[in-house]
C-alpha cells in the first residue's frame, strides 16, 4: 500500500468509526439513563477522551456497564490504529514517504535538466554520460528494483509512468533542457515524445526507435533526434571490421577515457572574439593546438574539413578536436569575450572527467 492509499484509508476508517462510536454512545445513554442527546453526547465524549469530568447524574448499574463497554471499545480502536501505524513504519513505508517528500523537494529545485524516461540498459548509459559531464538529470522509472539503484546512486528520480502528463510535469518538464525517451515499447516512446513536445515547445527531445517504422513516427511526434540501437550497433560492428583503428580513435575521443584528447562541439555566441575572422586568423590552431574538423553553419549546412580561409560567423558550431585542457581554455576565452556570458555555447561542461 502506498502512502496516499494508507492515509486515505486511515482517515476514512477513523472518521467513520469515530462518528458511529459517538452517536452510538450518545444513543446508549439516552436509552439507558434517559439522558437528553446533549447529555448523552457529553458523557460519551468525556468517557472516550478520559478527561474525567463529573457525570451528569449518578449512573445506574446498567449505565456503568455501558460506560465500561464504551471505554474498552474506544481503547481497542485506538490500539488497533496505533498497531497499524507501527506496522506501516516497520515495513519501511514511513521511510519511503520521507524519501519521496525529500526527493520532491529536490526536484523542485532542479532546472535546465535532462529528463531520462526509462532506466534500462540505454537509460543507464545515457544517465551515466550526462552525469559525467556534470549535467543535471531526473530519471522517470516504474520498476522498484531500478528505483533502489537510483536511490543508492543518489540520482534524482521520480517513480511513475512517463507516458502520463502529470508525471512529466512533476519531473519539471516546463523548465527542463531536454528529454530522452528510451523505454522499451516504441508506442510508449511515441506517446512520451508527443506529450513532451506539447508541454514544452523548446525542449530538445531524443528518442529510441526499436523498429524501422518507429523512427518516422517519432520524428512526426516531435523528436529532434532519433536513435535506432540496432542500426547503430550494426554500423559500429561493420566499422570495427572495415576501419578498426579509426573506430577505436573516435570512441576514445568521444568517451574521454584513457587519453588526454577530446572532441567537442562549440557554438559561437554573439560578441565572441573570433567571430568575423577566418580560421587562420582566429589562431585556434596556433594558440590552442585545436583542429576544427567541421563547421555547422547557423543555417544548418555542414562544412567538412574547412579551409583556413573559412569565415567564422555568429551561431556557427565548431567541431573541434584536441587536448582536453586546451578545449576547456578555448571555451572559457569565448565565454569571456562574448556579449552574453551566460549563453550556452557548448554541448557539455568541459573539464577533467
C-alpha atoms as a PDB file:
ATOM      1  CA  UNK A   1       0.000   0.000   0.000  1.00  0.00           C
ATOM      2  CA  UNK A   2       1.421   3.391  -0.951  1.00  0.00           C
ATOM      3  CA  UNK A   3       1.458   6.471   1.213  1.00  0.00           C
ATOM      4  CA  UNK A   4      -1.605   8.138  -0.324  1.00  0.00           C
ATOM      5  CA  UNK A   5      -3.746   4.983  -0.055  1.00  0.00           C
ATOM      6  CA  UNK A   6      -2.624   4.332   3.504  1.00  0.00           C
ATOM      7  CA  UNK A   7      -3.550   7.743   4.852  1.00  0.00           C
ATOM      8  CA  UNK A   8      -6.726   7.911   2.788  1.00  0.00           C
ATOM      9  CA  UNK A   9      -7.909   4.594   4.220  1.00  0.00           C
ATOM     10  CA  UNK A  10      -6.915   5.599   7.739  1.00  0.00           C
ATOM     11  CA  UNK A  11      -8.829   8.872   7.527  1.00  0.00           C
ATOM     12  CA  UNK A  12     -11.951   7.132   6.215  1.00  0.00           C
ATOM     13  CA  UNK A  13     -11.824   4.400   8.879  1.00  0.00           C
ATOM     14  CA  UNK A  14     -11.120   6.780  11.766  1.00  0.00           C
ATOM     15  CA  UNK A  15     -13.766   9.301  10.694  1.00  0.00           C
ATOM     16  CA  UNK A  16     -16.468   6.677  10.116  1.00  0.00           C
ATOM     17  CA  UNK A  17     -15.840   4.651  13.267  1.00  0.00           C
ATOM     18  CA  UNK A  18     -15.458   7.744  15.465  1.00  0.00           C
ATOM     19  CA  UNK A  19     -18.772   9.138  14.244  1.00  0.00           C
ATOM     20  CA  UNK A  20     -20.557   5.808  14.784  1.00  0.00           C
ATOM     21  CA  UNK A  21     -18.988   5.392  18.225  1.00  0.00           C
ATOM     22  CA  UNK A  22     -20.003   8.885  19.384  1.00  0.00           C
ATOM     23  CA  UNK A  23     -23.536   8.549  18.037  1.00  0.00           C
ATOM     24  CA  UNK A  24     -23.876   5.016  19.452  1.00  0.00           C
ATOM     25  CA  UNK A  25     -22.619   6.124  22.862  1.00  0.00           C
ATOM     26  CA  UNK A  26     -24.974   9.117  22.948  1.00  0.00           C
ATOM     27  CA  UNK A  27     -27.929   6.945  21.948  1.00  0.00           C
ATOM     28  CA  UNK A  28     -26.979   4.333  24.572  1.00  0.00           C
ATOM     29  CA  UNK A  29     -27.027   6.889  27.391  1.00  0.00           C
ATOM     30  CA  UNK A  30     -30.323   8.272  26.126  1.00  0.00           C
ATOM     31  CA  UNK A  31     -31.950   4.812  26.203  1.00  0.00           C
ATOM     32  CA  UNK A  32     -30.353   3.513  29.421  1.00  0.00           C
ATOM     33  CA  UNK A  33     -30.253   6.662  31.595  1.00  0.00           C
ATOM     34  CA  UNK A  34     -32.965   8.721  29.888  1.00  0.00           C
ATOM     35  CA  UNK A  35     -30.426  11.471  29.117  1.00  0.00           C
ATOM     36  CA  UNK A  36     -31.047  14.163  26.554  1.00  0.00           C
ATOM     37  CA  UNK A  37     -28.993  13.984  23.371  1.00  0.00           C
ATOM     38  CA  UNK A  38     -26.672  16.738  24.617  1.00  0.00           C
ATOM     39  CA  UNK A  39     -26.185  14.980  27.956  1.00  0.00           C
ATOM     40  CA  UNK A  40     -25.524  11.659  26.209  1.00  0.00           C
ATOM     41  CA  UNK A  41     -23.043  13.328  23.849  1.00  0.00           C
ATOM     42  CA  UNK A  42     -21.272  14.947  26.799  1.00  0.00           C
ATOM     43  CA  UNK A  43     -20.965  11.649  28.671  1.00  0.00           C
ATOM     44  CA  UNK A  44     -19.716   9.847  25.573  1.00  0.00           C
ATOM     45  CA  UNK A  45     -17.005  12.432  24.860  1.00  0.00           C
ATOM     46  CA  UNK A  46     -15.642  12.619  28.422  1.00  0.00           C
ATOM     47  CA  UNK A  47     -15.633   8.810  28.586  1.00  0.00           C
ATOM     48  CA  UNK A  48     -13.820   8.262  25.296  1.00  0.00           C
ATOM     49  CA  UNK A  49     -11.309  11.068  25.876  1.00  0.00           C
ATOM     50  CA  UNK A  50     -10.775  10.026  29.531  1.00  0.00           C
ATOM     51  CA  UNK A  51     -10.970  13.678  30.606  1.00  0.00           C
ATOM     52  CA  UNK A  52     -12.582  12.663  33.891  1.00  0.00           C
ATOM     53  CA  UNK A  53     -15.221  15.374  34.407  1.00  0.00           C
ATOM     54  CA  UNK A  54     -18.164  14.527  36.654  1.00  0.00           C
ATOM     55  CA  UNK A  55     -21.210  12.588  35.496  1.00  0.00           C
ATOM     56  CA  UNK A  56     -24.372  14.457  34.513  1.00  0.00           C
ATOM     57  CA  UNK A  57     -26.299  12.365  37.020  1.00  0.00           C
ATOM     58  CA  UNK A  58     -25.281   9.297  39.011  1.00  0.00           C
ATOM     59  CA  UNK A  59     -25.277   6.290  36.699  1.00  0.00           C
ATOM     60  CA  UNK A  60     -27.284   3.178  37.275  1.00  0.00           C
ATOM     61  CA  UNK A  61     -25.703  -0.273  37.224  1.00  0.00           C
ATOM     62  CA  UNK A  62     -26.600  -0.677  33.543  1.00  0.00           C
ATOM     63  CA  UNK A  63     -25.197   2.771  32.856  1.00  0.00           C
ATOM     64  CA  UNK A  64     -21.877   1.866  34.483  1.00  0.00           C
ATOM     65  CA  UNK A  65     -21.651  -1.384  32.494  1.00  0.00           C
ATOM     66  CA  UNK A  66     -22.376   0.546  29.304  1.00  0.00           C
ATOM     67  CA  UNK A  67     -19.644   3.075  30.217  1.00  0.00           C
ATOM     68  CA  UNK A  68     -17.131   0.251  30.778  1.00  0.00           C
ATOM     69  CA  UNK A  69     -18.049  -1.255  27.408  1.00  0.00           C
ATOM     70  CA  UNK A  70     -17.672   2.142  25.748  1.00  0.00           C
ATOM     71  CA  UNK A  71     -14.198   2.596  27.291  1.00  0.00           C
ATOM     72  CA  UNK A  72     -12.996  -0.816  26.085  1.00  0.00           C
ATOM     73  CA  UNK A  73     -14.310  -0.201  22.587  1.00  0.00           C
ATOM     74  CA  UNK A  74     -12.580   3.189  22.447  1.00  0.00           C
ATOM     75  CA  UNK A  75      -9.279   1.825  23.786  1.00  0.00           C
ATOM     76  CA  UNK A  76      -9.409  -1.111  21.362  1.00  0.00           C
ATOM     77  CA  UNK A  77      -9.988   1.186  18.407  1.00  0.00           C
ATOM     78  CA  UNK A  78      -7.093   3.485  19.336  1.00  0.00           C
ATOM     79  CA  UNK A  79      -4.796   0.499  19.922  1.00  0.00           C
ATOM     80  CA  UNK A  80      -5.650  -1.005  16.532  1.00  0.00           C
ATOM     81  CA  UNK A  81      -4.830   2.255  14.759  1.00  0.00           C
ATOM     82  CA  UNK A  82      -1.539   2.579  16.626  1.00  0.00           C
ATOM     83  CA  UNK A  83      -0.667  -1.004  15.668  1.00  0.00           C
ATOM     84  CA  UNK A  84      -1.468  -0.292  12.003  1.00  0.00           C
ATOM     85  CA  UNK A  85       0.737   2.794  12.085  1.00  0.00           C
ATOM     86  CA  UNK A  86       3.510   0.779  13.751  1.00  0.00           C
ATOM     87  CA  UNK A  87       3.342  -1.872  11.032  1.00  0.00           C
ATOM     88  CA  UNK A  88       3.423   0.869   8.398  1.00  0.00           C
ATOM     89  CA  UNK A  89       6.622   2.268   9.912  1.00  0.00           C
ATOM     90  CA  UNK A  90       8.158  -1.177  10.478  1.00  0.00           C
ATOM     91  CA  UNK A  91       7.567  -2.155   6.837  1.00  0.00           C
ATOM     92  CA  UNK A  92       9.601   0.829   5.688  1.00  0.00           C
ATOM     93  CA  UNK A  93       6.627   2.720   4.276  1.00  0.00           C
ATOM     94  CA  UNK A  94       7.235   5.663   6.576  1.00  0.00           C
ATOM     95  CA  UNK A  95      10.860   5.851   5.432  1.00  0.00           C
ATOM     96  CA  UNK A  96       9.734   5.712   1.808  1.00  0.00           C
ATOM     97  CA  UNK A  97       7.279   8.513   2.491  1.00  0.00           C
ATOM     98  CA  UNK A  98      10.097  10.622   3.927  1.00  0.00           C
ATOM     99  CA  UNK A  99      12.329   9.863   0.938  1.00  0.00           C
ATOM    100  CA  UNK A 100       9.586  10.752  -1.549  1.00  0.00           C
ATOM    101  CA  UNK A 101       8.972  14.052   0.183  1.00  0.00           C
ATOM    102  CA  UNK A 102      12.696  14.790   0.236  1.00  0.00           C
ATOM    103  CA  UNK A 103      13.011  13.846  -3.453  1.00  0.00           C
ATOM    104  CA  UNK A 104      10.009  16.022  -4.362  1.00  0.00           C
ATOM    105  CA  UNK A 105      11.690  18.981  -2.689  1.00  0.00           C
ATOM    106  CA  UNK A 106      14.928  18.201  -4.539  1.00  0.00           C
ATOM    107  CA  UNK A 107      13.123  18.021  -7.889  1.00  0.00           C
ATOM    108  CA  UNK A 108      11.502  21.406  -7.301  1.00  0.00           C
ATOM    109  CA  UNK A 109      14.984  22.968  -7.116  1.00  0.00           C
ATOM    110  CA  UNK A 110      16.279  21.465 -10.394  1.00  0.00           C
ATOM    111  CA  UNK A 111      16.147  23.428 -13.654  1.00  0.00           C
ATOM    112  CA  UNK A 112      17.769  23.225 -17.105  1.00  0.00           C
ATOM    113  CA  UNK A 113      17.999  19.481 -16.575  1.00  0.00           C
ATOM    114  CA  UNK A 114      17.519  16.423 -18.767  1.00  0.00           C
ATOM    115  CA  UNK A 115      14.640  14.030 -18.131  1.00  0.00           C
ATOM    116  CA  UNK A 116      15.504  10.382 -18.771  1.00  0.00           C
ATOM    117  CA  UNK A 117      12.414   8.246 -19.380  1.00  0.00           C
ATOM    118  CA  UNK A 118      13.345   4.653 -18.613  1.00  0.00           C
ATOM    119  CA  UNK A 119      16.312   3.358 -16.632  1.00  0.00           C
ATOM    120  CA  UNK A 120      17.021   0.224 -18.649  1.00  0.00           C
ATOM    121  CA  UNK A 121      20.264  -0.594 -20.432  1.00  0.00           C
ATOM    122  CA  UNK A 122      20.180   2.530 -22.616  1.00  0.00           C
ATOM    123  CA  UNK A 123      18.850   4.745 -19.855  1.00  0.00           C
ATOM    124  CA  UNK A 124      21.700   3.786 -17.544  1.00  0.00           C
ATOM    125  CA  UNK A 125      24.334   4.638 -20.169  1.00  0.00           C
ATOM    126  CA  UNK A 126      22.697   7.972 -21.052  1.00  0.00           C
ATOM    127  CA  UNK A 127      22.373   8.926 -17.384  1.00  0.00           C
ATOM    128  CA  UNK A 128      25.979   7.964 -16.648  1.00  0.00           C
ATOM    129  CA  UNK A 129      27.338  10.008 -19.554  1.00  0.00           C
ATOM    130  CA  UNK A 130      25.298  13.110 -18.752  1.00  0.00           C
ATOM    131  CA  UNK A 131      26.364  12.961 -15.118  1.00  0.00           C
ATOM    132  CA  UNK A 132      29.971  12.523 -16.206  1.00  0.00           C
ATOM    133  CA  UNK A 133      29.697  15.901 -17.900  1.00  0.00           C
ATOM    134  CA  UNK A 134      28.028  17.343 -14.794  1.00  0.00           C
ATOM    135  CA  UNK A 135      24.663  17.830 -16.473  1.00  0.00           C
ATOM    136  CA  UNK A 136      21.643  17.624 -14.125  1.00  0.00           C
ATOM    137  CA  UNK A 137      19.268  14.726 -14.768  1.00  0.00           C
ATOM    138  CA  UNK A 138      15.947  13.414 -13.488  1.00  0.00           C
ATOM    139  CA  UNK A 139      15.082   9.778 -14.183  1.00  0.00           C
ATOM    140  CA  UNK A 140      11.495   8.547 -14.525  1.00  0.00           C
ATOM    141  CA  UNK A 141      11.158   4.823 -13.795  1.00  0.00           C
ATOM    142  CA  UNK A 142       8.455   2.389 -12.664  1.00  0.00           C
ATOM    143  CA  UNK A 143      10.430  -0.723 -11.704  1.00  0.00           C
ATOM    144  CA  UNK A 144      11.074  -0.923  -7.959  1.00  0.00           C
ATOM    145  CA  UNK A 145      14.445  -2.659  -8.357  1.00  0.00           C
ATOM    146  CA  UNK A 146      15.729   0.141 -10.601  1.00  0.00           C
ATOM    147  CA  UNK A 147      14.483   2.784  -8.173  1.00  0.00           C
ATOM    148  CA  UNK A 148      16.571   1.194  -5.434  1.00  0.00           C
ATOM    149  CA  UNK A 149      19.668   1.527  -7.644  1.00  0.00           C
ATOM    150  CA  UNK A 150      18.854   5.185  -8.334  1.00  0.00           C
ATOM    151  CA  UNK A 151      18.394   5.809  -4.616  1.00  0.00           C
ATOM    152  CA  UNK A 152      21.734   4.192  -3.794  1.00  0.00           C
ATOM    153  CA  UNK A 153      23.487   6.189  -6.523  1.00  0.00           C
ATOM    154  CA  UNK A 154      21.965   9.461  -5.319  1.00  0.00           C
ATOM    155  CA  UNK A 155      20.437  10.212  -8.732  1.00  0.00           C
ATOM    156  CA  UNK A 156      17.253  12.329  -8.730  1.00  0.00           C
ATOM    157  CA  UNK A 157      14.335  10.158  -9.804  1.00  0.00           C
ATOM    158  CA  UNK A 158      10.571  10.026  -9.990  1.00  0.00           C
ATOM    159  CA  UNK A 159       8.541   6.839  -9.664  1.00  0.00           C
ATOM    160  CA  UNK A 160       5.820   6.728 -12.259  1.00  0.00           C
ATOM    161  CA  UNK A 161       4.787   6.223 -15.866  1.00  0.00           C
ATOM    162  CA  UNK A 162       6.469   8.684 -18.238  1.00  0.00           C
ATOM    163  CA  UNK A 163       3.503   8.446 -20.631  1.00  0.00           C
ATOM    164  CA  UNK A 164       1.376  10.312 -18.080  1.00  0.00           C
ATOM    165  CA  UNK A 165       1.331  14.081 -18.415  1.00  0.00           C
ATOM    166  CA  UNK A 166       1.218  14.628 -14.642  1.00  0.00           C
ATOM    167  CA  UNK A 167       4.449  12.667 -14.159  1.00  0.00           C
ATOM    168  CA  UNK A 168       6.304  14.714 -16.776  1.00  0.00           C
ATOM    169  CA  UNK A 169       5.084  17.932 -15.182  1.00  0.00           C
ATOM    170  CA  UNK A 170       6.243  16.732 -11.753  1.00  0.00           C
ATOM    171  CA  UNK A 171       9.635  15.942 -13.290  1.00  0.00           C
ATOM    172  CA  UNK A 172       9.907  19.623 -14.249  1.00  0.00           C
ATOM    173  CA  UNK A 173       9.444  19.381 -17.999  1.00  0.00           C
ATOM    174  CA  UNK A 174       8.474  23.058 -18.226  1.00  0.00           C
ATOM    175  CA  UNK A 175      11.937  24.096 -17.012  1.00  0.00           C
ATOM    176  CA  UNK A 176      13.943  21.205 -18.490  1.00  0.00           C
ATOM    177  CA  UNK A 177      16.672  21.490 -21.109  1.00  0.00           C
ATOM    178  CA  UNK A 178      15.924  18.205 -22.824  1.00  0.00           C
ATOM    179  CA  UNK A 179      14.214  14.829 -22.647  1.00  0.00           C
ATOM    180  CA  UNK A 180      15.477  11.359 -23.559  1.00  0.00           C
ATOM    181  CA  UNK A 181      12.848   8.683 -24.121  1.00  0.00           C
ATOM    182  CA  UNK A 182      14.347   5.182 -24.032  1.00  0.00           C
ATOM    183  CA  UNK A 183      11.539   2.993 -22.703  1.00  0.00           C
ATOM    184  CA  UNK A 184      11.087  -0.480 -24.151  1.00  0.00           C
ATOM    185  CA  UNK A 185       7.966  -0.041 -26.287  1.00  0.00           C
ATOM    186  CA  UNK A 186       8.011   2.154 -29.397  1.00  0.00           C
ATOM    187  CA  UNK A 187       4.379   3.123 -28.849  1.00  0.00           C
ATOM    188  CA  UNK A 188       5.240   4.437 -25.385  1.00  0.00           C
ATOM    189  CA  UNK A 189       8.197   6.387 -26.769  1.00  0.00           C
ATOM    190  CA  UNK A 190       5.963   7.989 -29.408  1.00  0.00           C
ATOM    191  CA  UNK A 191       3.374   8.942 -26.781  1.00  0.00           C
ATOM    192  CA  UNK A 192       6.046  10.347 -24.438  1.00  0.00           C
ATOM    193  CA  UNK A 193       7.558  12.446 -27.241  1.00  0.00           C
ATOM    194  CA  UNK A 194       4.132  13.703 -28.308  1.00  0.00           C
ATOM    195  CA  UNK A 195       3.186  14.687 -24.755  1.00  0.00           C
ATOM    196  CA  UNK A 196       6.584  16.243 -24.021  1.00  0.00           C
ATOM    197  CA  UNK A 197       6.508  18.348 -27.182  1.00  0.00           C
ATOM    198  CA  UNK A 198       3.020  19.581 -26.331  1.00  0.00           C
ATOM    199  CA  UNK A 199       4.158  20.595 -22.821  1.00  0.00           C
ATOM    200  CA  UNK A 200       7.409  22.291 -23.886  1.00  0.00           C
ATOM    201  CA  UNK A 201       7.829  23.526 -27.463  1.00  0.00           C
ATOM    202  CA  UNK A 202      11.523  24.421 -26.985  1.00  0.00           C
ATOM    203  CA  UNK A 203      12.569  21.099 -25.436  1.00  0.00           C
ATOM    204  CA  UNK A 204      15.392  19.096 -27.021  1.00  0.00           C
ATOM    205  CA  UNK A 205      13.947  15.593 -27.424  1.00  0.00           C
ATOM    206  CA  UNK A 206      15.939  12.460 -28.213  1.00  0.00           C
ATOM    207  CA  UNK A 207      14.194   9.116 -28.546  1.00  0.00           C
ATOM    208  CA  UNK A 208      14.909   5.445 -29.096  1.00  0.00           C
ATOM    209  CA  UNK A 209      13.446   3.611 -32.087  1.00  0.00           C
ATOM    210  CA  UNK A 210      13.218  -0.145 -31.752  1.00  0.00           C
ATOM    211  CA  UNK A 211      11.773  -0.850 -35.201  1.00  0.00           C
ATOM    212  CA  UNK A 212      12.397   0.738 -38.650  1.00  0.00           C
ATOM    213  CA  UNK A 213       8.963   2.362 -38.856  1.00  0.00           C
ATOM    214  CA  UNK A 214       9.202   3.896 -35.392  1.00  0.00           C
ATOM    215  CA  UNK A 215      11.830   6.441 -36.427  1.00  0.00           C
ATOM    216  CA  UNK A 216       9.432   8.181 -38.792  1.00  0.00           C
ATOM    217  CA  UNK A 217       6.619   8.218 -36.230  1.00  0.00           C
ATOM    218  CA  UNK A 218       8.890   9.605 -33.515  1.00  0.00           C
ATOM    219  CA  UNK A 219      10.036  12.478 -35.726  1.00  0.00           C
ATOM    220  CA  UNK A 220       6.438  13.286 -36.613  1.00  0.00           C
ATOM    221  CA  UNK A 221       5.594  13.270 -32.908  1.00  0.00           C
ATOM    222  CA  UNK A 222       8.233  15.950 -32.314  1.00  0.00           C
ATOM    223  CA  UNK A 223      11.561  14.222 -31.605  1.00  0.00           C
ATOM    224  CA  UNK A 224      14.641  16.247 -32.592  1.00  0.00           C
ATOM    225  CA  UNK A 225      16.920  13.211 -32.665  1.00  0.00           C
ATOM    226  CA  UNK A 226      16.017   9.545 -33.102  1.00  0.00           C
ATOM    227  CA  UNK A 227      18.469   6.722 -32.472  1.00  0.00           C
ATOM    228  CA  UNK A 228      17.967   3.107 -33.519  1.00  0.00           C
ATOM    229  CA  UNK A 229      20.228   0.982 -31.288  1.00  0.00           C
ATOM    230  CA  UNK A 230      20.055  -1.967 -33.677  1.00  0.00           C
ATOM    231  CA  UNK A 231      21.034   0.062 -36.742  1.00  0.00           C
ATOM    232  CA  UNK A 232      23.735   1.936 -34.815  1.00  0.00           C
ATOM    233  CA  UNK A 233      25.083  -1.293 -33.378  1.00  0.00           C
ATOM    234  CA  UNK A 234      25.204  -2.930 -36.816  1.00  0.00           C
ATOM    235  CA  UNK A 235      27.090   0.050 -38.282  1.00  0.00           C
ATOM    236  CA  UNK A 236      29.521   0.012 -35.385  1.00  0.00           C
ATOM    237  CA  UNK A 237      30.264  -3.679 -35.965  1.00  0.00           C
ATOM    238  CA  UNK A 238      30.794  -3.041 -39.681  1.00  0.00           C
ATOM    239  CA  UNK A 239      33.117  -0.097 -38.995  1.00  0.00           C
ATOM    240  CA  UNK A 240      35.081  -2.156 -36.485  1.00  0.00           C
ATOM    241  CA  UNK A 241      35.735  -4.638 -39.277  1.00  0.00           C
ATOM    242  CA  UNK A 242      36.416  -2.146 -42.089  1.00  0.00           C
ATOM    243  CA  UNK A 243      38.354   0.554 -40.208  1.00  0.00           C
ATOM    244  CA  UNK A 244      39.061  -0.635 -36.637  1.00  0.00           C
ATOM    245  CA  UNK A 245      41.783   1.920 -35.859  1.00  0.00           C
ATOM    246  CA  UNK A 246      39.575   4.852 -36.832  1.00  0.00           C
ATOM    247  CA  UNK A 247      36.728   3.434 -34.772  1.00  0.00           C
ATOM    248  CA  UNK A 248      38.954   2.978 -31.732  1.00  0.00           C
ATOM    249  CA  UNK A 249      40.242   6.523 -32.058  1.00  0.00           C
ATOM    250  CA  UNK A 250      36.757   8.047 -32.311  1.00  0.00           C
ATOM    251  CA  UNK A 251      35.486   6.009 -29.368  1.00  0.00           C
ATOM    252  CA  UNK A 252      38.380   7.165 -27.211  1.00  0.00           C
ATOM    253  CA  UNK A 253      37.974  10.785 -28.300  1.00  0.00           C
ATOM    254  CA  UNK A 254      34.237  10.808 -27.659  1.00  0.00           C
ATOM    255  CA  UNK A 255      34.374   8.877 -24.405  1.00  0.00           C
ATOM    256  CA  UNK A 256      37.304  10.839 -23.000  1.00  0.00           C
ATOM    257  CA  UNK A 257      38.630   7.727 -21.289  1.00  0.00           C
ATOM    258  CA  UNK A 258      42.230   6.608 -21.429  1.00  0.00           C
ATOM    259  CA  UNK A 259      43.587   9.641 -23.317  1.00  0.00           C
ATOM    260  CA  UNK A 260      44.017  13.397 -22.982  1.00  0.00           C
ATOM    261  CA  UNK A 261      42.384  14.049 -26.331  1.00  0.00           C
ATOM    262  CA  UNK A 262      38.811  15.258 -26.574  1.00  0.00           C
ATOM    263  CA  UNK A 263      36.252  16.143 -29.213  1.00  0.00           C
ATOM    264  CA  UNK A 264      33.577  18.762 -28.579  1.00  0.00           C
ATOM    265  CA  UNK A 265      31.081  20.958 -30.376  1.00  0.00           C
ATOM    266  CA  UNK A 266      31.245  24.668 -29.561  1.00  0.00           C
ATOM    267  CA  UNK A 267      28.699  27.212 -30.731  1.00  0.00           C
ATOM    268  CA  UNK A 268      29.978  30.749 -31.325  1.00  0.00           C
ATOM    269  CA  UNK A 269      27.898  33.288 -29.391  1.00  0.00           C
ATOM    270  CA  UNK A 270      27.434  36.930 -30.211  1.00  0.00           C
ATOM    271  CA  UNK A 271      30.482  39.048 -29.419  1.00  0.00           C
ATOM    272  CA  UNK A 272      32.977  36.172 -29.381  1.00  0.00           C
ATOM    273  CA  UNK A 273      36.478  37.411 -30.226  1.00  0.00           C
ATOM    274  CA  UNK A 274      36.846  35.085 -33.239  1.00  0.00           C
ATOM    275  CA  UNK A 275      33.503  35.954 -34.889  1.00  0.00           C
ATOM    276  CA  UNK A 276      34.155  37.599 -38.282  1.00  0.00           C
ATOM    277  CA  UNK A 277      37.644  36.121 -38.592  1.00  0.00           C
ATOM    278  CA  UNK A 278      38.709  33.245 -40.783  1.00  0.00           C
ATOM    279  CA  UNK A 279      40.200  30.095 -39.280  1.00  0.00           C
ATOM    280  CA  UNK A 280      43.821  31.036 -39.866  1.00  0.00           C
ATOM    281  CA  UNK A 281      43.388  34.488 -38.272  1.00  0.00           C
ATOM    282  CA  UNK A 282      41.419  33.090 -35.329  1.00  0.00           C
ATOM    283  CA  UNK A 283      44.624  31.412 -34.059  1.00  0.00           C
ATOM    284  CA  UNK A 284      42.637  28.376 -32.903  1.00  0.00           C
ATOM    285  CA  UNK A 285      45.404  26.069 -34.105  1.00  0.00           C
ATOM    286  CA  UNK A 286      48.384  28.149 -33.001  1.00  0.00           C
ATOM    287  CA  UNK A 287      47.031  29.355 -29.637  1.00  0.00           C
ATOM    288  CA  UNK A 288      45.053  26.321 -28.517  1.00  0.00           C
ATOM    289  CA  UNK A 289      46.503  23.458 -30.588  1.00  0.00           C
ATOM    290  CA  UNK A 290      42.992  22.504 -31.711  1.00  0.00           C
ATOM    291  CA  UNK A 291      41.869  21.139 -35.055  1.00  0.00           C
ATOM    292  CA  UNK A 292      38.488  22.234 -36.425  1.00  0.00           C
ATOM    293  CA  UNK A 293      37.287  19.201 -38.372  1.00  0.00           C
ATOM    294  CA  UNK A 294      33.860  20.593 -39.313  1.00  0.00           C
ATOM    295  CA  UNK A 295      31.673  23.671 -39.030  1.00  0.00           C
ATOM    296  CA  UNK A 296      27.904  23.573 -38.789  1.00  0.00           C
ATOM    297  CA  UNK A 297      26.684  26.902 -40.109  1.00  0.00           C
ATOM    298  CA  UNK A 298      23.871  28.770 -38.410  1.00  0.00           C
ATOM    299  CA  UNK A 299      21.561  27.840 -41.322  1.00  0.00           C
ATOM    300  CA  UNK A 300      22.136  24.106 -40.660  1.00  0.00           C
ATOM    301  CA  UNK A 301      24.551  23.363 -43.510  1.00  0.00           C
ATOM    302  CA  UNK A 302      27.766  21.455 -42.749  1.00  0.00           C
ATOM    303  CA  UNK A 303      31.284  22.238 -43.917  1.00  0.00           C
ATOM    304  CA  UNK A 304      33.682  19.332 -43.502  1.00  0.00           C
ATOM    305  CA  UNK A 305      37.443  19.871 -43.355  1.00  0.00           C
ATOM    306  CA  UNK A 306      37.058  23.657 -43.706  1.00  0.00           C
ATOM    307  CA  UNK A 307      39.787  25.671 -45.430  1.00  0.00           C
ATOM    308  CA  UNK A 308      41.960  28.074 -43.411  1.00  0.00           C
ATOM    309  CA  UNK A 309      40.095  30.983 -45.006  1.00  0.00           C
ATOM    310  CA  UNK A 310      36.599  29.905 -43.933  1.00  0.00           C
ATOM    311  CA  UNK A 311      34.986  32.865 -42.111  1.00  0.00           C
ATOM    312  CA  UNK A 312      33.517  32.171 -38.685  1.00  0.00           C
ATOM    313  CA  UNK A 313      30.108  33.674 -38.014  1.00  0.00           C
ATOM    314  CA  UNK A 314      27.860  34.096 -35.006  1.00  0.00           C
ATOM    315  CA  UNK A 315      25.783  30.952 -34.450  1.00  0.00           C
ATOM    316  CA  UNK A 316      28.279  28.647 -36.171  1.00  0.00           C
ATOM    317  CA  UNK A 317      29.067  25.408 -34.326  1.00  0.00           C
ATOM    318  CA  UNK A 318      32.692  24.295 -34.418  1.00  0.00           C
ATOM    319  CA  UNK A 319      33.506  20.600 -34.096  1.00  0.00           C
ATOM    320  CA  UNK A 320      36.996  20.662 -32.666  1.00  0.00           C
ATOM    321  CA  UNK A 321      39.441  18.029 -31.531  1.00  0.00           C
ATOM    322  CA  UNK A 322      42.482  18.457 -29.310  1.00  0.00           C
ATOM    323  CA  UNK A 323      43.771  18.252 -25.731  1.00  0.00           C
ATOM    324  CA  UNK A 324      41.029  18.495 -23.137  1.00  0.00           C
ATOM    325  CA  UNK A 325      42.672  21.309 -21.226  1.00  0.00           C
ATOM    326  CA  UNK A 326      43.021  23.365 -24.409  1.00  0.00           C
ATOM    327  CA  UNK A 327      39.378  22.753 -25.298  1.00  0.00           C
ATOM    328  CA  UNK A 328      38.367  23.938 -21.853  1.00  0.00           C
ATOM    329  CA  UNK A 329      40.567  27.049 -22.150  1.00  0.00           C
ATOM    330  CA  UNK A 330      39.169  27.829 -25.595  1.00  0.00           C
ATOM    331  CA  UNK A 331      35.594  27.641 -24.323  1.00  0.00           C
ATOM    332  CA  UNK A 332      36.386  29.883 -21.356  1.00  0.00           C
ATOM    333  CA  UNK A 333      38.005  32.503 -23.600  1.00  0.00           C
ATOM    334  CA  UNK A 334      34.942  32.546 -25.854  1.00  0.00           C
ATOM    335  CA  UNK A 335      32.644  32.939 -22.854  1.00  0.00           C
ATOM    336  CA  UNK A 336      34.692  35.851 -21.510  1.00  0.00           C
ATOM    337  CA  UNK A 337      34.760  37.639 -24.872  1.00  0.00           C
ATOM    338  CA  UNK A 338      31.072  37.115 -25.721  1.00  0.00           C
ATOM    339  CA  UNK A 339      28.430  39.779 -25.126  1.00  0.00           C
ATOM    340  CA  UNK A 340      26.286  37.258 -23.202  1.00  0.00           C
ATOM    341  CA  UNK A 341      28.500  35.174 -20.872  1.00  0.00           C
ATOM    342  CA  UNK A 342      25.514  33.179 -19.571  1.00  0.00           C
ATOM    343  CA  UNK A 343      24.615  31.937 -23.063  1.00  0.00           C
ATOM    344  CA  UNK A 344      25.081  28.206 -23.617  1.00  0.00           C
ATOM    345  CA  UNK A 345      27.905  27.718 -26.111  1.00  0.00           C
ATOM    346  CA  UNK A 346      28.969  24.128 -25.539  1.00  0.00           C
ATOM    347  CA  UNK A 347      27.153  20.827 -25.587  1.00  0.00           C
ATOM    348  CA  UNK A 348      28.695  19.940 -22.245  1.00  0.00           C
ATOM    349  CA  UNK A 349      30.849  21.191 -19.425  1.00  0.00           C
ATOM    350  CA  UNK A 350      34.409  20.567 -20.485  1.00  0.00           C
ATOM    351  CA  UNK A 351      36.879  19.635 -17.798  1.00  0.00           C
ATOM    352  CA  UNK A 352      38.762  16.755 -16.277  1.00  0.00           C
ATOM    353  CA  UNK A 353      36.277  13.908 -16.189  1.00  0.00           C
END
